[in-house]
């Protein structure tokens, strides 16, 4: 196994990476077409298996990684390792993940790399901040806001904004959501861990992952396997739209309108083969239907939600 951590530096020394704009050379390729985790036989790359590491499309292309095994059994066109024993594939995947997370991601060298990359980003940000000030100031004046329990709420435009809005509402009205947050980690993997009491044993709790998104995406950068809830600001999909996770599993979005008995619209991702469903809390509608919270531009008179 060989792992190269190339980050964004590859764009400076690899002239074959396609840039934005018209395609001048048909031989050039996108980053996601070349970088990631490749399985190899006879030290020849056969096919990318990025889902083995579960990094998501943004992170997996920072690596040029290779896993070679002479026991791989290739398909007739030699384009895949699909004829390999499932037990062997599972063992190699588990070994690969263990080495990657313990010896690569968990190493002092990688920590130093992350610190350097973050510092470089801060230098770039410092220059950009000068240009951003006027733009942000103008946007703040027209920012949509609402007031709940005498606290101003800001309409989010980023994932961080969704987290901030959720935390504020969660602090003011913790019973609004059917779970409690017990851990945050937005640096890698799922955003947070939640817990709720088991209905048949209130002294015990079940734990599960929750993910934040600004807008519910059609291509999800995590596996749905351990995910029970998604919290987003808006959803632009119609009932029946398929949402695909990092493992190419397609789940169908079911939207159930609000009724007199159930006072809010329910968004649910469901799969015919999974044993659980994923509830999507679309805050734009959930807060309005549950709390009467509406957002209008700050320059106008702010709507005040009824105290609860």
C-alpha atoms as a PDB file:
ATOM      1  CA  UNK A   1       0.000   0.000   0.000  1.00  0.00           C
ATOM      2  CA  UNK A   2       1.256   3.444  -0.946  1.00  0.00           C
ATOM      3  CA  UNK A   3      -0.411   6.706   0.110  1.00  0.00           C
ATOM      4  CA  UNK A   4       0.666  10.016  -1.404  1.00  0.00           C
ATOM      5  CA  UNK A   5      -0.854  13.092   0.215  1.00  0.00           C
ATOM      6  CA  UNK A   6      -0.692  15.672  -2.555  1.00  0.00           C
ATOM      7  CA  UNK A   7      -3.389  18.157  -1.579  1.00  0.00           C
ATOM      8  CA  UNK A   8      -3.749  21.117  -3.926  1.00  0.00           C
ATOM      9  CA  UNK A   9      -0.015  21.141  -4.740  1.00  0.00           C
ATOM     10  CA  UNK A  10      -0.600  18.690  -7.603  1.00  0.00           C
ATOM     11  CA  UNK A  11      -2.161  21.459  -9.675  1.00  0.00           C
ATOM     12  CA  UNK A  12       1.209  23.238  -9.820  1.00  0.00           C
ATOM     13  CA  UNK A  13       3.277  20.303 -11.097  1.00  0.00           C
ATOM     14  CA  UNK A  14       0.739  18.228 -13.037  1.00  0.00           C
ATOM     15  CA  UNK A  15      -0.013  20.019 -16.336  1.00  0.00           C
ATOM     16  CA  UNK A  16      -2.512  17.310 -17.349  1.00  0.00           C
ATOM     17  CA  UNK A  17      -5.128  18.385 -14.789  1.00  0.00           C
ATOM     18  CA  UNK A  18      -7.954  20.129 -16.570  1.00  0.00           C
ATOM     19  CA  UNK A  19      -8.678  23.709 -15.501  1.00  0.00           C
ATOM     20  CA  UNK A  20     -11.928  25.609 -15.725  1.00  0.00           C
ATOM     21  CA  UNK A  21     -12.954  27.004 -19.076  1.00  0.00           C
ATOM     22  CA  UNK A  22     -12.890  25.578 -22.614  1.00  0.00           C
ATOM     23  CA  UNK A  23     -11.186  22.183 -23.026  1.00  0.00           C
ATOM     24  CA  UNK A  24      -8.006  22.919 -24.979  1.00  0.00           C
ATOM     25  CA  UNK A  25      -6.520  19.418 -24.747  1.00  0.00           C
ATOM     26  CA  UNK A  26      -8.840  16.361 -24.864  1.00  0.00           C
ATOM     27  CA  UNK A  27      -6.128  14.278 -23.175  1.00  0.00           C
ATOM     28  CA  UNK A  28      -6.402  16.281 -19.965  1.00  0.00           C
ATOM     29  CA  UNK A  29      -8.504  14.924 -17.106  1.00  0.00           C
ATOM     30  CA  UNK A  30     -10.433  16.115 -14.079  1.00  0.00           C
ATOM     31  CA  UNK A  31      -8.906  15.644 -10.626  1.00  0.00           C
ATOM     32  CA  UNK A  32     -11.609  13.138  -9.623  1.00  0.00           C
ATOM     33  CA  UNK A  33     -10.851  11.009 -12.712  1.00  0.00           C
ATOM     34  CA  UNK A  34      -7.242  10.422 -11.704  1.00  0.00           C
ATOM     35  CA  UNK A  35      -6.820  10.878  -7.934  1.00  0.00           C
ATOM     36  CA  UNK A  36      -8.116   8.737  -5.092  1.00  0.00           C
ATOM     37  CA  UNK A  37      -7.577   5.135  -3.995  1.00  0.00           C
ATOM     38  CA  UNK A  38      -6.659   2.685  -6.766  1.00  0.00           C
ATOM     39  CA  UNK A  39      -6.617  -1.099  -6.468  1.00  0.00           C
ATOM     40  CA  UNK A  40      -3.753  -2.679  -8.434  1.00  0.00           C
ATOM     41  CA  UNK A  41      -2.497  -6.037  -9.663  1.00  0.00           C
ATOM     42  CA  UNK A  42       1.048  -6.527 -10.975  1.00  0.00           C
ATOM     43  CA  UNK A  43       1.452  -2.917  -9.746  1.00  0.00           C
ATOM     44  CA  UNK A  44      -0.880  -1.717 -12.507  1.00  0.00           C
ATOM     45  CA  UNK A  45      -3.851   0.443 -11.391  1.00  0.00           C
ATOM     46  CA  UNK A  46      -7.127  -1.308 -12.238  1.00  0.00           C
ATOM     47  CA  UNK A  47      -9.957   0.761 -10.753  1.00  0.00           C
ATOM     48  CA  UNK A  48     -10.618   3.410  -8.094  1.00  0.00           C
ATOM     49  CA  UNK A  49     -12.244   2.185  -4.858  1.00  0.00           C
ATOM     50  CA  UNK A  50     -12.639   5.508  -3.036  1.00  0.00           C
ATOM     51  CA  UNK A  51     -15.551   4.257  -0.938  1.00  0.00           C
ATOM     52  CA  UNK A  52     -13.126   2.039   1.029  1.00  0.00           C
ATOM     53  CA  UNK A  53     -11.913   5.112   2.928  1.00  0.00           C
ATOM     54  CA  UNK A  54     -15.281   6.949   3.142  1.00  0.00           C
ATOM     55  CA  UNK A  55     -13.642  10.350   2.858  1.00  0.00           C
ATOM     56  CA  UNK A  56     -16.140  12.094   0.606  1.00  0.00           C
ATOM     57  CA  UNK A  57     -15.492  13.547  -2.839  1.00  0.00           C
ATOM     58  CA  UNK A  58     -13.810  16.691  -1.534  1.00  0.00           C
ATOM     59  CA  UNK A  59     -11.154  14.879   0.511  1.00  0.00           C
ATOM     60  CA  UNK A  60     -10.514  11.688  -1.434  1.00  0.00           C
ATOM     61  CA  UNK A  61      -8.933  13.557  -4.363  1.00  0.00           C
ATOM     62  CA  UNK A  62      -6.230  14.957  -2.063  1.00  0.00           C
ATOM     63  CA  UNK A  63      -4.723  11.468  -2.071  1.00  0.00           C
ATOM     64  CA  UNK A  64      -3.000   9.402  -4.736  1.00  0.00           C
ATOM     65  CA  UNK A  65      -3.185   5.992  -3.092  1.00  0.00           C
ATOM     66  CA  UNK A  66      -2.516   2.462  -4.355  1.00  0.00           C
ATOM     67  CA  UNK A  67      -3.307  -0.961  -2.898  1.00  0.00           C
ATOM     68  CA  UNK A  68      -1.640  -3.842  -4.755  1.00  0.00           C
ATOM     69  CA  UNK A  69      -2.569  -7.517  -4.276  1.00  0.00           C
ATOM     70  CA  UNK A  70      -1.611 -10.417  -6.506  1.00  0.00           C
ATOM     71  CA  UNK A  71      -4.663 -12.346  -5.273  1.00  0.00           C
ATOM     72  CA  UNK A  72      -7.094  -9.950  -6.936  1.00  0.00           C
ATOM     73  CA  UNK A  73      -9.151 -11.777  -9.573  1.00  0.00           C
ATOM     74  CA  UNK A  74      -9.948  -9.519 -12.526  1.00  0.00           C
ATOM     75  CA  UNK A  75     -13.068  -9.477 -14.645  1.00  0.00           C
ATOM     76  CA  UNK A  76     -12.875 -10.515 -18.309  1.00  0.00           C
ATOM     77  CA  UNK A  77     -12.128  -6.981 -19.506  1.00  0.00           C
ATOM     78  CA  UNK A  78      -9.506  -6.555 -16.751  1.00  0.00           C
ATOM     79  CA  UNK A  79     -11.301  -3.384 -15.677  1.00  0.00           C
ATOM     80  CA  UNK A  80     -12.386  -4.465 -12.199  1.00  0.00           C
ATOM     81  CA  UNK A  81     -11.581  -6.902  -9.371  1.00  0.00           C
ATOM     82  CA  UNK A  82     -15.140  -8.165  -9.145  1.00  0.00           C
ATOM     83  CA  UNK A  83     -14.145 -11.851  -9.390  1.00  0.00           C
ATOM     84  CA  UNK A  84     -12.183 -11.658  -6.144  1.00  0.00           C
ATOM     85  CA  UNK A  85     -13.479 -13.543  -3.113  1.00  0.00           C
ATOM     86  CA  UNK A  86     -15.758 -11.254  -1.031  1.00  0.00           C
ATOM     87  CA  UNK A  87     -14.030 -12.369   2.160  1.00  0.00           C
ATOM     88  CA  UNK A  88     -10.641 -11.384   0.767  1.00  0.00           C
ATOM     89  CA  UNK A  89     -11.955  -8.023  -0.438  1.00  0.00           C
ATOM     90  CA  UNK A  90     -13.450  -7.320   2.980  1.00  0.00           C
ATOM     91  CA  UNK A  91     -10.192  -8.257   4.743  1.00  0.00           C
ATOM     92  CA  UNK A  92      -8.132  -6.035   2.425  1.00  0.00           C
ATOM     93  CA  UNK A  93     -10.564  -3.130   2.867  1.00  0.00           C
ATOM     94  CA  UNK A  94     -10.458  -3.431   6.667  1.00  0.00           C
ATOM     95  CA  UNK A  95      -6.644  -3.626   6.645  1.00  0.00           C
ATOM     96  CA  UNK A  96      -6.475  -0.662   4.300  1.00  0.00           C
ATOM     97  CA  UNK A  97      -8.762   1.447   6.520  1.00  0.00           C
ATOM     98  CA  UNK A  98      -6.872   0.467   9.684  1.00  0.00           C
ATOM     99  CA  UNK A  99      -3.506   1.460   8.214  1.00  0.00           C
ATOM    100  CA  UNK A 100      -4.911   4.641   6.679  1.00  0.00           C
ATOM    101  CA  UNK A 101      -6.597   5.988   9.813  1.00  0.00           C
ATOM    102  CA  UNK A 102      -4.015   4.760  12.338  1.00  0.00           C
ATOM    103  CA  UNK A 103      -0.717   5.235  10.511  1.00  0.00           C
ATOM    104  CA  UNK A 104      -1.537   7.943   7.946  1.00  0.00           C
ATOM    105  CA  UNK A 105      -4.287  10.195   9.320  1.00  0.00           C
ATOM    106  CA  UNK A 106      -3.178   9.485  12.896  1.00  0.00           C
ATOM    107  CA  UNK A 107       0.494  10.254  12.295  1.00  0.00           C
ATOM    108  CA  UNK A 108       2.462  13.296  13.450  1.00  0.00           C
ATOM    109  CA  UNK A 109       3.458  13.993   9.837  1.00  0.00           C
ATOM    110  CA  UNK A 110      -0.168  14.264   8.765  1.00  0.00           C
ATOM    111  CA  UNK A 111      -0.962  16.557  11.698  1.00  0.00           C
ATOM    112  CA  UNK A 112       1.923  18.783  10.582  1.00  0.00           C
ATOM    113  CA  UNK A 113       0.605  18.730   7.002  1.00  0.00           C
ATOM    114  CA  UNK A 114      -2.904  19.746   8.159  1.00  0.00           C
ATOM    115  CA  UNK A 115      -1.504  22.590  10.255  1.00  0.00           C
ATOM    116  CA  UNK A 116       0.558  23.876   7.332  1.00  0.00           C
ATOM    117  CA  UNK A 117      -2.407  23.648   4.945  1.00  0.00           C
ATOM    118  CA  UNK A 118      -4.633  25.463   7.436  1.00  0.00           C
ATOM    119  CA  UNK A 119      -2.001  28.184   7.945  1.00  0.00           C
ATOM    120  CA  UNK A 120      -1.683  28.687   4.193  1.00  0.00           C
ATOM    121  CA  UNK A 121      -5.438  28.991   3.952  1.00  0.00           C
ATOM    122  CA  UNK A 122      -5.402  31.603   6.723  1.00  0.00           C
ATOM    123  CA  UNK A 123      -2.813  33.675   4.845  1.00  0.00           C
ATOM    124  CA  UNK A 124      -4.969  33.577   1.731  1.00  0.00           C
ATOM    125  CA  UNK A 125      -8.032  34.391   3.792  1.00  0.00           C
ATOM    126  CA  UNK A 126      -6.340  37.422   5.358  1.00  0.00           C
ATOM    127  CA  UNK A 127      -5.835  38.927   1.905  1.00  0.00           C
ATOM    128  CA  UNK A 128      -9.340  38.054   0.839  1.00  0.00           C
ATOM    129  CA  UNK A 129     -10.871  39.512   4.012  1.00  0.00           C
ATOM    130  CA  UNK A 130      -9.927  43.015   2.877  1.00  0.00           C
ATOM    131  CA  UNK A 131     -11.958  42.541  -0.292  1.00  0.00           C
ATOM    132  CA  UNK A 132     -14.813  40.780   1.479  1.00  0.00           C
ATOM    133  CA  UNK A 133     -15.593  43.449   4.071  1.00  0.00           C
ATOM    134  CA  UNK A 134     -17.716  45.731   1.893  1.00  0.00           C
ATOM    135  CA  UNK A 135     -19.491  42.793   0.283  1.00  0.00           C
ATOM    136  CA  UNK A 136     -20.308  41.254   3.669  1.00  0.00           C
ATOM    137  CA  UNK A 137     -21.455  44.593   5.070  1.00  0.00           C
ATOM    138  CA  UNK A 138     -23.913  45.095   2.210  1.00  0.00           C
ATOM    139  CA  UNK A 139     -25.179  41.543   2.544  1.00  0.00           C
ATOM    140  CA  UNK A 140     -25.674  41.945   6.303  1.00  0.00           C
ATOM    141  CA  UNK A 141     -28.001  44.907   5.742  1.00  0.00           C
ATOM    142  CA  UNK A 142     -30.317  42.794   3.594  1.00  0.00           C
ATOM    143  CA  UNK A 143     -29.888  39.600   5.608  1.00  0.00           C
ATOM    144  CA  UNK A 144     -33.151  37.838   6.390  1.00  0.00           C
ATOM    145  CA  UNK A 145     -33.876  37.598  10.085  1.00  0.00           C
ATOM    146  CA  UNK A 146     -36.607  36.669  12.511  1.00  0.00           C
ATOM    147  CA  UNK A 147     -37.129  37.019  16.255  1.00  0.00           C
ATOM    148  CA  UNK A 148     -38.007  34.154  18.564  1.00  0.00           C
ATOM    149  CA  UNK A 149     -38.249  34.557  22.342  1.00  0.00           C
ATOM    150  CA  UNK A 150     -36.691  38.034  21.910  1.00  0.00           C
ATOM    151  CA  UNK A 151     -33.613  36.517  20.219  1.00  0.00           C
ATOM    152  CA  UNK A 152     -32.691  37.446  16.646  1.00  0.00           C
ATOM    153  CA  UNK A 153     -32.325  34.453  14.318  1.00  0.00           C
ATOM    154  CA  UNK A 154     -30.355  34.720  11.071  1.00  0.00           C
ATOM    155  CA  UNK A 155     -31.350  32.928   7.894  1.00  0.00           C
ATOM    156  CA  UNK A 156     -28.353  30.725   6.991  1.00  0.00           C
ATOM    157  CA  UNK A 157     -26.565  30.766   3.652  1.00  0.00           C
ATOM    158  CA  UNK A 158     -23.856  28.215   4.540  1.00  0.00           C
ATOM    159  CA  UNK A 159     -23.612  24.952   6.446  1.00  0.00           C
ATOM    160  CA  UNK A 160     -22.019  26.779   9.375  1.00  0.00           C
ATOM    161  CA  UNK A 161     -25.021  29.092   9.407  1.00  0.00           C
ATOM    162  CA  UNK A 162     -27.326  26.076   9.651  1.00  0.00           C
ATOM    163  CA  UNK A 163     -25.344  24.740  12.630  1.00  0.00           C
ATOM    164  CA  UNK A 164     -25.523  28.152  14.335  1.00  0.00           C
ATOM    165  CA  UNK A 165     -29.270  28.498  13.744  1.00  0.00           C
ATOM    166  CA  UNK A 166     -29.925  24.966  14.977  1.00  0.00           C
ATOM    167  CA  UNK A 167     -27.857  25.478  18.139  1.00  0.00           C
ATOM    168  CA  UNK A 168     -29.663  28.702  18.976  1.00  0.00           C
ATOM    169  CA  UNK A 169     -33.123  27.194  18.484  1.00  0.00           C
ATOM    170  CA  UNK A 170     -32.028  24.011  20.268  1.00  0.00           C
ATOM    171  CA  UNK A 171     -30.934  26.082  23.285  1.00  0.00           C
ATOM    172  CA  UNK A 172     -34.193  28.045  23.331  1.00  0.00           C
ATOM    173  CA  UNK A 173     -36.459  25.089  22.609  1.00  0.00           C
ATOM    174  CA  UNK A 174     -34.620  21.777  23.258  1.00  0.00           C
ATOM    175  CA  UNK A 175     -37.815  19.705  23.041  1.00  0.00           C
ATOM    176  CA  UNK A 176     -38.369  20.759  19.445  1.00  0.00           C
ATOM    177  CA  UNK A 177     -36.167  17.925  18.177  1.00  0.00           C
ATOM    178  CA  UNK A 178     -36.625  14.238  19.106  1.00  0.00           C
ATOM    179  CA  UNK A 179     -33.004  13.803  20.169  1.00  0.00           C
ATOM    180  CA  UNK A 180     -30.215  15.527  22.072  1.00  0.00           C
ATOM    181  CA  UNK A 181     -26.750  16.320  20.765  1.00  0.00           C
ATOM    182  CA  UNK A 182     -23.958  14.712  22.774  1.00  0.00           C
ATOM    183  CA  UNK A 183     -20.866  15.343  20.601  1.00  0.00           C
ATOM    184  CA  UNK A 184     -19.729  17.550  17.701  1.00  0.00           C
ATOM    185  CA  UNK A 185     -16.902  16.852  15.255  1.00  0.00           C
ATOM    186  CA  UNK A 186     -17.169  18.787  11.998  1.00  0.00           C
ATOM    187  CA  UNK A 187     -13.543  18.179  11.020  1.00  0.00           C
ATOM    188  CA  UNK A 188     -13.935  14.624   9.759  1.00  0.00           C
ATOM    189  CA  UNK A 189     -16.802  12.236   9.263  1.00  0.00           C
ATOM    190  CA  UNK A 190     -20.338  12.978  10.406  1.00  0.00           C
ATOM    191  CA  UNK A 191     -20.997  16.343  12.043  1.00  0.00           C
ATOM    192  CA  UNK A 192     -22.414  15.220  15.358  1.00  0.00           C
ATOM    193  CA  UNK A 193     -23.560  12.333  17.521  1.00  0.00           C
ATOM    194  CA  UNK A 194     -27.057  12.373  18.995  1.00  0.00           C
ATOM    195  CA  UNK A 195     -28.954  10.222  21.468  1.00  0.00           C
ATOM    196  CA  UNK A 196     -32.551   9.509  22.370  1.00  0.00           C
ATOM    197  CA  UNK A 197     -34.271   7.324  24.941  1.00  0.00           C
ATOM    198  CA  UNK A 198     -35.376   3.892  23.807  1.00  0.00           C
ATOM    199  CA  UNK A 199     -39.195   3.714  23.794  1.00  0.00           C
ATOM    200  CA  UNK A 200     -39.240   0.347  25.558  1.00  0.00           C
ATOM    201  CA  UNK A 201     -36.557   1.234  28.128  1.00  0.00           C
ATOM    202  CA  UNK A 202     -36.332   4.891  29.110  1.00  0.00           C
ATOM    203  CA  UNK A 203     -33.226   4.187  31.215  1.00  0.00           C
ATOM    204  CA  UNK A 204     -31.260   3.310  28.063  1.00  0.00           C
ATOM    205  CA  UNK A 205     -30.369   5.396  25.034  1.00  0.00           C
ATOM    206  CA  UNK A 206     -29.663   4.742  21.380  1.00  0.00           C
ATOM    207  CA  UNK A 207     -26.939   6.782  19.688  1.00  0.00           C
ATOM    208  CA  UNK A 208     -26.737   7.762  16.031  1.00  0.00           C
ATOM    209  CA  UNK A 209     -25.155  10.287  13.673  1.00  0.00           C
ATOM    210  CA  UNK A 210     -26.663  13.580  12.514  1.00  0.00           C
ATOM    211  CA  UNK A 211     -25.376  15.566   9.525  1.00  0.00           C
ATOM    212  CA  UNK A 212     -25.800  19.281   8.720  1.00  0.00           C
ATOM    213  CA  UNK A 213     -26.227  20.679   5.195  1.00  0.00           C
ATOM    214  CA  UNK A 214     -27.182  24.095   3.880  1.00  0.00           C
ATOM    215  CA  UNK A 215     -29.249  22.690   0.999  1.00  0.00           C
ATOM    216  CA  UNK A 216     -30.061  18.964   0.863  1.00  0.00           C
ATOM    217  CA  UNK A 217     -27.771  17.640  -1.923  1.00  0.00           C
ATOM    218  CA  UNK A 218     -28.684  14.925  -4.395  1.00  0.00           C
ATOM    219  CA  UNK A 219     -25.198  13.416  -4.045  1.00  0.00           C
ATOM    220  CA  UNK A 220     -24.400  12.946  -0.354  1.00  0.00           C
ATOM    221  CA  UNK A 221     -20.746  12.884   0.787  1.00  0.00           C
ATOM    222  CA  UNK A 222     -21.348  10.330   3.562  1.00  0.00           C
ATOM    223  CA  UNK A 223     -22.765   6.852   3.881  1.00  0.00           C
ATOM    224  CA  UNK A 224     -26.420   6.590   4.922  1.00  0.00           C
ATOM    225  CA  UNK A 225     -25.648   3.413   6.878  1.00  0.00           C
ATOM    226  CA  UNK A 226     -25.227   5.036  10.310  1.00  0.00           C
ATOM    227  CA  UNK A 227     -27.133   8.248   9.638  1.00  0.00           C
ATOM    228  CA  UNK A 228     -30.550   8.781  11.242  1.00  0.00           C
ATOM    229  CA  UNK A 229     -31.162  12.511  10.778  1.00  0.00           C
ATOM    230  CA  UNK A 230     -30.143  15.337   8.447  1.00  0.00           C
ATOM    231  CA  UNK A 231     -30.614  18.989   9.407  1.00  0.00           C
ATOM    232  CA  UNK A 232     -30.624  21.436   6.496  1.00  0.00           C
ATOM    233  CA  UNK A 233     -31.982  24.874   5.749  1.00  0.00           C
ATOM    234  CA  UNK A 234     -33.822  24.111   2.497  1.00  0.00           C
ATOM    235  CA  UNK A 235     -34.739  21.269   0.152  1.00  0.00           C
ATOM    236  CA  UNK A 236     -35.357  21.878  -3.558  1.00  0.00           C
ATOM    237  CA  UNK A 237     -36.463  18.339  -4.425  1.00  0.00           C
ATOM    238  CA  UNK A 238     -39.900  16.992  -5.155  1.00  0.00           C
ATOM    239  CA  UNK A 239     -41.474  13.968  -3.541  1.00  0.00           C
ATOM    240  CA  UNK A 240     -39.910  10.788  -4.933  1.00  0.00           C
ATOM    241  CA  UNK A 241     -36.489  12.275  -5.771  1.00  0.00           C
ATOM    242  CA  UNK A 242     -33.588   9.855  -5.313  1.00  0.00           C
ATOM    243  CA  UNK A 243     -30.621  10.943  -3.182  1.00  0.00           C
ATOM    244  CA  UNK A 244     -27.373   8.987  -3.570  1.00  0.00           C
ATOM    245  CA  UNK A 245     -24.796   8.431  -0.825  1.00  0.00           C
ATOM    246  CA  UNK A 246     -21.037   7.917  -1.074  1.00  0.00           C
ATOM    247  CA  UNK A 247     -21.517   4.167  -1.561  1.00  0.00           C
ATOM    248  CA  UNK A 248     -23.807   4.736  -4.566  1.00  0.00           C
ATOM    249  CA  UNK A 249     -26.850   3.658  -2.542  1.00  0.00           C
ATOM    250  CA  UNK A 250     -29.983   5.477  -3.711  1.00  0.00           C
ATOM    251  CA  UNK A 251     -32.607   6.451  -1.150  1.00  0.00           C
ATOM    252  CA  UNK A 252     -35.954   7.954  -2.113  1.00  0.00           C
ATOM    253  CA  UNK A 253     -37.177  11.198  -0.560  1.00  0.00           C
ATOM    254  CA  UNK A 254     -40.771  11.012   0.694  1.00  0.00           C
ATOM    255  CA  UNK A 255     -42.477  14.311   1.517  1.00  0.00           C
ATOM    256  CA  UNK A 256     -45.666  14.140   3.600  1.00  0.00           C
ATOM    257  CA  UNK A 257     -47.547  17.465   3.825  1.00  0.00           C
ATOM    258  CA  UNK A 258     -48.656  18.854   7.167  1.00  0.00           C
ATOM    259  CA  UNK A 259     -52.095  17.868   8.449  1.00  0.00           C
ATOM    260  CA  UNK A 260     -54.295  18.926  11.340  1.00  0.00           C
ATOM    261  CA  UNK A 261     -53.101  15.949  13.384  1.00  0.00           C
ATOM    262  CA  UNK A 262     -49.452  16.423  12.430  1.00  0.00           C
ATOM    263  CA  UNK A 263     -48.651  20.098  12.310  1.00  0.00           C
ATOM    264  CA  UNK A 264     -45.537  19.998  10.140  1.00  0.00           C
ATOM    265  CA  UNK A 265     -44.308  18.652   6.801  1.00  0.00           C
ATOM    266  CA  UNK A 266     -42.286  15.444   7.119  1.00  0.00           C
ATOM    267  CA  UNK A 267     -39.269  14.808   4.891  1.00  0.00           C
ATOM    268  CA  UNK A 268     -38.005  11.215   5.040  1.00  0.00           C
ATOM    269  CA  UNK A 269     -35.284   9.353   3.125  1.00  0.00           C
ATOM    270  CA  UNK A 270     -36.112   5.660   2.749  1.00  0.00           C
ATOM    271  CA  UNK A 271     -34.487   2.646   1.145  1.00  0.00           C
ATOM    272  CA  UNK A 272     -36.140  -0.677   0.227  1.00  0.00           C
ATOM    273  CA  UNK A 273     -33.192  -2.624   1.646  1.00  0.00           C
ATOM    274  CA  UNK A 274     -32.296  -0.613   4.784  1.00  0.00           C
ATOM    275  CA  UNK A 275     -33.776  -1.297   8.206  1.00  0.00           C
ATOM    276  CA  UNK A 276     -33.997   2.388   9.156  1.00  0.00           C
ATOM    277  CA  UNK A 277     -35.178   5.678   7.668  1.00  0.00           C
ATOM    278  CA  UNK A 278     -33.474   9.079   7.746  1.00  0.00           C
ATOM    279  CA  UNK A 279     -35.564  12.052   8.827  1.00  0.00           C
ATOM    280  CA  UNK A 280     -34.662  15.338   7.157  1.00  0.00           C
ATOM    281  CA  UNK A 281     -35.388  18.427   9.243  1.00  0.00           C
ATOM    282  CA  UNK A 282     -35.769  21.242   6.701  1.00  0.00           C
ATOM    283  CA  UNK A 283     -35.510  24.216   9.045  1.00  0.00           C
ATOM    284  CA  UNK A 284     -37.049  26.675   6.581  1.00  0.00           C
ATOM    285  CA  UNK A 285     -40.377  24.866   6.897  1.00  0.00           C
ATOM    286  CA  UNK A 286     -39.941  23.116  10.235  1.00  0.00           C
ATOM    287  CA  UNK A 287     -39.394  26.333  12.210  1.00  0.00           C
ATOM    288  CA  UNK A 288     -42.272  28.091  10.466  1.00  0.00           C
ATOM    289  CA  UNK A 289     -44.743  25.259  10.991  1.00  0.00           C
ATOM    290  CA  UNK A 290     -43.690  24.390  14.546  1.00  0.00           C
ATOM    291  CA  UNK A 291     -42.811  27.827  15.968  1.00  0.00           C
ATOM    292  CA  UNK A 292     -44.263  30.382  13.563  1.00  0.00           C
ATOM    293  CA  UNK A 293     -40.783  31.648  12.673  1.00  0.00           C
ATOM    294  CA  UNK A 294     -40.620  33.571   9.358  1.00  0.00           C
ATOM    295  CA  UNK A 295     -37.604  35.365   7.922  1.00  0.00           C
ATOM    296  CA  UNK A 296     -37.688  38.767   6.182  1.00  0.00           C
ATOM    297  CA  UNK A 297     -34.904  41.217   5.180  1.00  0.00           C
ATOM    298  CA  UNK A 298     -33.471  43.085   8.169  1.00  0.00           C
ATOM    299  CA  UNK A 299     -34.413  46.442   6.628  1.00  0.00           C
ATOM    300  CA  UNK A 300     -38.086  45.542   6.959  1.00  0.00           C
ATOM    301  CA  UNK A 301     -40.010  45.097  10.161  1.00  0.00           C
ATOM    302  CA  UNK A 302     -38.894  41.843  11.700  1.00  0.00           C
ATOM    303  CA  UNK A 303     -41.518  39.179  12.309  1.00  0.00           C
ATOM    304  CA  UNK A 304     -41.747  38.199  15.951  1.00  0.00           C
ATOM    305  CA  UNK A 305     -42.627  34.601  16.676  1.00  0.00           C
ATOM    306  CA  UNK A 306     -44.935  33.954  19.584  1.00  0.00           C
ATOM    307  CA  UNK A 307     -43.141  33.163  22.840  1.00  0.00           C
ATOM    308  CA  UNK A 308     -43.267  29.512  23.831  1.00  0.00           C
END
